[in-house]
N, C-alpha and C. Protein backbone atom coordinates (compact mmCIF):
# COMPACT_ATOMS: atom_id res chain seq x y z
N UNK A 1 -25.71 -7.76 -9.59
CA UNK A 1 -25.31 -8.82 -8.97
C UNK A 1 -25.90 -9.22 -7.14
N UNK A 2 -25.95 -10.23 -7.12
CA UNK A 2 -26.72 -10.46 -5.72
C UNK A 2 -25.62 -10.17 -4.53
N UNK A 3 -25.99 -9.84 -3.47
CA UNK A 3 -24.88 -9.58 -2.47
C UNK A 3 -24.13 -10.93 -2.10
N UNK A 4 -24.32 -11.77 -2.09
CA UNK A 4 -23.64 -13.03 -2.36
C UNK A 4 -22.32 -13.25 -2.85
N UNK A 5 -22.87 -12.58 -4.37
CA UNK A 5 -21.81 -12.97 -5.22
C UNK A 5 -20.62 -11.79 -4.96
N UNK A 6 -21.09 -10.66 -4.78
CA UNK A 6 -20.11 -9.29 -4.60
C UNK A 6 -19.18 -9.97 -3.24
N UNK A 7 -19.63 -10.23 -2.04
CA UNK A 7 -19.27 -10.55 -0.84
C UNK A 7 -18.24 -11.85 -1.28
N UNK A 8 -18.73 -12.82 -1.97
CA UNK A 8 -17.72 -14.15 -2.32
C UNK A 8 -16.31 -13.38 -3.39
N UNK A 9 -16.81 -12.50 -4.26
CA UNK A 9 -15.85 -12.02 -4.83
C UNK A 9 -14.79 -11.28 -4.15
N UNK A 10 -15.27 -10.28 -3.36
CA UNK A 10 -14.45 -9.49 -2.48
C UNK A 10 -13.37 -10.20 -1.67
N UNK A 11 -14.26 -11.21 -0.80
CA UNK A 11 -13.30 -12.09 -0.16
C UNK A 11 -12.27 -12.72 -1.19
N UNK A 12 -12.60 -13.48 -2.04
CA UNK A 12 -11.84 -14.12 -2.86
C UNK A 12 -10.47 -13.00 -3.42
N UNK A 13 -10.82 -11.88 -3.91
CA UNK A 13 -9.84 -11.09 -4.38
C UNK A 13 -9.13 -10.66 -3.11
N UNK A 14 -9.55 -10.77 -1.99
CA UNK A 14 -8.56 -10.53 -0.70
C UNK A 14 -7.84 -11.06 -0.64
N UNK A 15 -8.14 -12.87 -0.34
CA UNK A 15 -7.27 -14.00 0.01
C UNK A 15 -6.06 -13.81 -1.40
N UNK A 16 -6.68 -13.86 -2.69
CA UNK A 16 -5.44 -13.95 -3.46
C UNK A 16 -4.58 -12.69 -3.46
N UNK A 17 -5.05 -11.91 -2.96
CA UNK A 17 -4.09 -10.53 -2.71
C UNK A 17 -3.08 -11.07 -1.71
N UNK A 18 -3.76 -11.47 -0.61
CA UNK A 18 -2.76 -12.02 0.37
C UNK A 18 -1.56 -13.02 0.08
N UNK A 19 -1.96 -13.94 -0.82
CA UNK A 19 -1.34 -14.80 -1.57
C UNK A 19 -0.25 -14.57 -2.05
N UNK A 20 -0.50 -13.07 -2.99
CA UNK A 20 0.78 -12.82 -3.67
C UNK A 20 1.62 -11.90 -2.72
N UNK A 21 0.93 -11.44 -1.92
CA UNK A 21 1.93 -10.60 -0.97
C UNK A 21 2.60 -11.81 -0.12
N UNK A 22 2.25 -12.86 -0.07
CA UNK A 22 3.61 -13.45 0.72
C UNK A 22 4.23 -14.40 -0.36
N UNK A 23 3.75 -14.59 -1.85
CA UNK A 23 4.77 -15.06 -2.61
C UNK A 23 5.93 -14.11 -2.90
N UNK A 24 5.78 -12.73 -2.74
CA UNK A 24 6.55 -11.36 -2.88
C UNK A 24 7.57 -11.60 -2.16
N UNK A 25 6.99 -11.94 -0.66
CA UNK A 25 7.78 -11.65 0.60
C UNK A 25 8.91 -12.99 0.46
N UNK A 26 8.57 -13.87 0.02
CA UNK A 26 9.00 -15.42 -0.14
C UNK A 26 10.50 -14.92 -0.95
N UNK A 27 10.27 -14.34 -2.11
CA UNK A 27 11.17 -13.95 -3.60
C UNK A 27 12.00 -12.82 -3.00
N UNK A 28 11.28 -11.95 -2.23
CA UNK A 28 12.54 -11.36 -1.59
C UNK A 28 13.27 -11.52 -0.59
N UNK A 29 12.61 -12.40 0.13
CA UNK A 29 13.45 -13.36 1.41
C UNK A 29 13.54 -12.48 2.72
N UNK A 30 12.36 -11.90 2.59
CA UNK A 30 12.16 -11.18 4.20
C UNK A 30 10.73 -11.42 4.53
N UNK A 31 10.57 -11.50 5.79
CA UNK A 31 9.19 -11.84 6.13
C UNK A 31 8.39 -10.37 6.36
N UNK A 32 7.07 -10.67 6.27
CA UNK A 32 6.24 -9.45 6.37
C UNK A 32 6.23 -8.68 7.88
N UNK A 33 6.24 -7.49 7.66
CA UNK A 33 6.88 -6.56 8.84
C UNK A 33 5.57 -6.90 9.89
N UNK A 34 4.93 -7.52 9.69
CA UNK A 34 3.33 -7.48 10.95
C UNK A 34 3.85 -8.91 11.57
N UNK A 35 4.87 -9.30 11.31
CA UNK A 35 4.99 -10.88 11.97
C UNK A 35 5.64 -10.58 12.97
N UNK A 36 6.63 -9.54 13.01
CA UNK A 36 7.07 -9.03 14.23
C UNK A 36 6.37 -8.15 15.08
N UNK A 37 5.53 -7.48 14.44
CA UNK A 37 4.75 -6.33 15.02
C UNK A 37 3.41 -6.15 14.47
N UNK A 38 2.38 -6.70 15.21
CA UNK A 38 0.75 -6.89 15.00
C UNK A 38 0.50 -5.10 14.43
N UNK A 39 0.82 -4.31 14.78
CA UNK A 39 0.31 -2.93 14.14
C UNK A 39 0.92 -2.55 13.09
N UNK A 40 1.67 -3.39 12.23
CA UNK A 40 1.88 -3.19 10.81
C UNK A 40 0.55 -3.71 10.11
N UNK A 41 0.20 -4.37 10.60
CA UNK A 41 -1.61 -4.84 10.06
C UNK A 41 -2.46 -3.58 9.96
N UNK A 42 -2.26 -2.53 11.07
CA UNK A 42 -2.87 -1.24 10.67
C UNK A 42 -2.01 0.04 9.95
N UNK A 43 -0.95 -0.28 10.12
CA UNK A 43 -0.22 0.77 9.36
C UNK A 43 -0.14 0.70 7.78
N UNK A 44 -0.05 -0.64 7.52
CA UNK A 44 0.20 -0.77 6.06
C UNK A 44 -1.06 0.10 5.03
N UNK A 45 -2.19 -0.59 5.29
CA UNK A 45 -3.24 -0.07 4.79
C UNK A 45 -3.64 1.29 5.27
N UNK A 46 -3.22 1.77 6.32
CA UNK A 46 -3.57 3.08 6.76
C UNK A 46 -2.70 3.85 5.42
N UNK A 47 -1.21 3.49 5.35
CA UNK A 47 -0.28 4.43 4.64
C UNK A 47 -0.93 4.12 3.03
N UNK A 48 -1.46 3.53 2.84
CA UNK A 48 -2.19 3.23 1.31
C UNK A 48 -3.36 4.20 1.24
N UNK A 49 -3.91 4.20 2.05
CA UNK A 49 -5.26 5.34 2.17
C UNK A 49 -4.84 6.71 1.87
N UNK A 50 -3.76 7.06 2.96
CA UNK A 50 -3.31 8.32 2.87
C UNK A 50 -2.46 9.00 1.56
N UNK A 51 -2.08 7.90 0.95
CA UNK A 51 -0.93 7.95 -0.20
C UNK A 51 -2.25 8.41 -1.09
N UNK A 52 -3.34 7.50 -1.51
CA UNK A 52 -4.07 7.56 -2.07
C UNK A 52 -4.83 9.00 -2.19
N UNK A 53 -5.37 9.09 -0.95
CA UNK A 53 -5.76 10.76 -0.40
C UNK A 53 -4.80 12.11 -1.24
N UNK A 54 -3.56 11.75 -0.81
CA UNK A 54 -2.85 12.73 -1.10
C UNK A 54 -2.93 12.63 -2.55
N UNK A 55 -2.79 11.71 -3.23
CA UNK A 55 -2.92 11.51 -4.84
C UNK A 55 -4.01 12.39 -5.48
N UNK A 56 -5.24 12.23 -4.66
CA UNK A 56 -6.37 12.66 -5.02
C UNK A 56 -6.42 14.21 -5.02
N UNK A 57 -5.59 14.61 -4.35
CA UNK A 57 -5.32 16.31 -3.94
C UNK A 57 -5.96 16.64 -2.60
N UNK A 58 -6.44 15.50 -1.92
CA UNK A 58 -6.90 15.89 -0.41
C UNK A 58 -5.84 16.22 0.66
N UNK A 59 -6.06 17.04 1.23
CA UNK A 59 -5.30 17.56 2.27
C UNK A 59 -3.89 17.91 1.73
N UNK A 60 -3.87 18.97 1.02
CA UNK A 60 -2.75 19.93 0.29
C UNK A 60 -1.84 20.39 1.64
N UNK A 61 -2.61 20.53 2.16
CA UNK A 61 -1.65 21.09 3.54
C UNK A 61 -0.66 20.36 4.46
N UNK A 62 -1.05 19.18 4.21
CA UNK A 62 -0.62 17.76 5.15
C UNK A 62 0.77 17.44 3.92
N UNK A 63 0.53 17.42 2.62
CA UNK A 63 1.53 17.05 1.80
C UNK A 63 2.65 18.15 1.66
N UNK A 64 2.16 19.49 1.81
CA UNK A 64 3.44 20.51 1.81
C UNK A 64 3.82 20.35 2.84
N UNK A 65 3.58 20.03 3.84
CA UNK A 65 4.25 19.92 5.37
C UNK A 65 5.31 18.84 5.24
N UNK A 66 4.49 17.72 4.89
CA UNK A 66 5.46 16.52 4.58
C UNK A 66 6.60 16.54 3.91
N UNK A 67 6.18 17.36 2.44
CA UNK A 67 7.35 17.71 1.77
C UNK A 67 8.41 18.92 1.87
N UNK A 68 8.12 19.53 3.02
CA UNK A 68 8.91 20.36 3.31
C UNK A 68 9.66 19.99 4.35
N UNK A 69 9.64 18.71 5.13
CA UNK A 69 10.31 18.13 5.70
C UNK A 69 11.21 17.07 4.99
N UNK A 70 10.68 16.05 4.19
CA UNK A 70 11.51 15.53 3.42
C UNK A 70 11.58 15.37 1.95
N UNK A 71 11.25 16.55 1.50
CA UNK A 71 11.34 16.65 0.02
C UNK A 71 10.26 16.03 -0.84
N UNK A 72 10.35 16.52 -1.78
CA UNK A 72 9.35 16.00 -3.09
C UNK A 72 9.60 14.52 -3.76
N UNK A 73 8.68 13.84 -4.29
CA UNK A 73 9.14 12.85 -4.71
C UNK A 73 9.83 12.95 -6.15
N UNK A 74 11.06 12.50 -5.95
CA UNK A 74 11.91 12.45 -7.40
C UNK A 74 11.94 10.92 -8.05
N UNK A 75 11.93 11.08 -9.37
CA UNK A 75 12.00 9.78 -10.37
C UNK A 75 13.19 9.70 -10.77
N UNK A 76 14.20 8.54 -10.21
CA UNK A 76 15.63 8.05 -10.79
C UNK A 76 15.59 8.04 -12.43
N UNK A 77 16.21 8.71 -13.40
CA UNK A 77 15.66 8.76 -14.85
C UNK A 77 16.49 7.07 -15.17
N UNK A 78 17.33 6.72 -14.38
CA UNK A 78 18.13 5.71 -14.74
C UNK A 78 17.15 4.27 -14.58
N UNK A 79 16.55 4.44 -13.42
CA UNK A 79 15.42 3.28 -12.90
C UNK A 79 14.07 3.47 -13.74
N UNK A 80 13.80 4.84 -14.37
CA UNK A 80 12.50 4.94 -15.16
C UNK A 80 12.49 4.47 -16.43
N UNK A 81 14.03 4.54 -17.03
CA UNK A 81 14.39 3.94 -18.16
C UNK A 81 14.30 2.40 -18.58
N UNK A 82 14.18 1.89 -17.28
CA UNK A 82 14.61 0.18 -17.22
C UNK A 82 13.07 -0.45 -17.41
């Protein structure tokens, strides 16, 4: 595909994602964190990138340090069955 098609589809998916986020916040009854603090616009995507990197096995030392402080991830069996 041409660059224009990729760019348009990327921007379109970005806009749809933001719309879905705002719909979710509406149903949740809470406003997005970045409304009060603009740094949320940076922290949110950074959090997702770090979580993905840890999931892919990168920075195992960092993951071990985090889990030593706060504990590992546990799945609630009652919620997992629902």
